[in-house]
Amino acid sequence: MNKSDIINEVSKVVQTKKEAQAAVDCIFATITGALKKDESVTVVGFGSFKVNKRSARKGRNPATGEEMEIKAKNVPKFIPGKDLKDAVN
């Protein structure tokens, strides 16, 4: 399932496909905006979106074997909720 499939499913509930696209885009933008502010987003029964901080570390270039420094960065993380885990199993 991709974004357009999600929009098609939402359009079955709202009036038009244009409204469905606006709703889906708004949800994704809201989650992205909260994560940019280093806030977590929790959807009860579905899961939580959080930001993990990865510290700087040393790594190796697989092509040359040369040691290199990997910069610290923030990465998004999704933690599924109990209801979602139960639905999948």
Protein backbone atom coordinates (compact mmCIF):
# COMPACT_ATOMS: atom_id res chain seq x y z
CA MET A 1 0.00 0.00 0.00
CA ASN A 2 1.32 3.44 -0.88
CA LYS A 3 0.17 7.02 -0.31
CA SER A 4 -2.31 7.04 -3.20
CA ASP A 5 -3.88 3.82 -1.88
CA ILE A 6 -4.32 5.50 1.51
CA ILE A 7 -5.91 8.52 -0.19
CA ASN A 8 -8.31 6.20 -2.05
CA GLU A 9 -9.35 4.55 1.22
CA VAL A 10 -9.88 7.92 2.95
CA SER A 11 -11.89 9.18 -0.04
CA LYS A 12 -14.46 6.48 0.70
CA VAL A 13 -15.23 8.26 3.99
CA VAL A 14 -15.04 11.93 2.95
CA GLN A 15 -16.83 13.74 0.11
CA THR A 16 -14.08 13.95 -2.52
CA LYS A 17 -10.66 12.59 -3.37
CA LYS A 18 -9.29 16.14 -3.11
CA GLU A 19 -10.45 16.35 0.52
CA ALA A 20 -8.94 12.94 1.21
CA GLN A 21 -5.59 14.03 -0.22
CA ALA A 22 -5.66 17.21 1.89
CA ALA A 23 -6.43 15.17 5.02
CA VAL A 24 -3.63 12.65 4.40
CA ASP A 25 -1.13 15.41 3.55
CA CYS A 26 -2.14 17.29 6.71
CA ILE A 27 -1.60 14.22 8.91
CA PHE A 28 1.84 13.54 7.43
CA ALA A 29 2.84 17.22 7.68
CA THR A 30 1.68 17.40 11.30
CA ILE A 31 3.69 14.31 12.28
CA THR A 32 6.75 15.60 10.41
CA GLY A 33 6.44 19.04 12.02
CA ALA A 34 6.21 17.57 15.51
CA LEU A 35 9.25 15.36 14.94
CA LYS A 36 11.23 18.36 13.62
CA LYS A 37 10.47 20.09 16.95
CA ASP A 38 11.77 16.97 18.74
CA GLU A 39 8.28 16.12 20.01
CA SER A 40 6.80 12.64 20.01
CA VAL A 41 3.46 11.81 18.38
CA THR A 42 1.31 9.11 19.98
CA VAL A 43 -1.77 7.64 18.32
CA VAL A 44 -3.42 5.46 20.97
CA GLY A 45 -3.92 1.92 19.71
CA PHE A 46 -1.70 2.51 16.67
CA GLY A 47 1.75 3.55 17.85
CA SER A 48 4.22 6.33 18.57
CA PHE A 49 6.58 8.33 16.40
CA LYS A 50 9.72 9.55 18.17
CA VAL A 51 13.11 11.00 17.34
CA ASN A 52 16.19 8.96 18.25
CA LYS A 53 19.54 10.66 18.52
CA ARG A 54 22.47 8.75 17.04
CA SER A 55 25.83 9.80 18.37
CA ALA A 56 28.92 10.21 16.21
CA ARG A 57 30.89 7.03 15.63
CA LYS A 58 33.68 5.55 13.59
CA GLY A 59 32.89 3.41 10.57
CA ARG A 60 34.59 1.94 7.53
CA ASN A 61 34.18 2.72 3.86
CA PRO A 62 33.16 -0.67 2.43
CA ALA A 63 34.80 0.04 -0.92
CA THR A 64 38.23 1.06 0.38
CA GLY A 65 38.26 -0.21 3.97
CA GLU A 66 39.34 3.27 5.04
CA GLU A 67 38.23 4.33 8.52
CA MET A 68 35.92 7.36 8.61
CA GLU A 69 33.93 9.44 11.07
CA ILE A 70 30.13 9.14 10.88
CA LYS A 71 28.41 12.32 12.07
CA ALA A 72 25.78 12.42 14.81
CA LYS A 73 22.21 12.71 13.54
CA ASN A 74 18.56 12.44 14.47
CA VAL A 75 16.47 9.62 13.01
CA PRO A 76 12.70 9.04 13.16
CA LYS A 77 11.48 5.91 14.92
CA PHE A 78 8.06 4.25 14.95
CA ILE A 79 7.04 2.09 17.90
CA PRO A 80 3.88 0.08 17.19
CA GLY A 81 1.15 0.04 19.83
CA LYS A 82 -0.32 -3.07 21.42
CA ASP A 83 -3.50 -3.01 19.31
CA LEU A 84 -1.49 -2.84 16.08
CA LYS A 85 0.81 -5.66 17.19
CA ASP A 86 -2.19 -7.81 18.11
CA ALA A 87 -3.91 -7.10 14.77
CA VAL A 88 -0.86 -8.22 12.82
CA ASN A 89 -0.36 -11.44 14.79
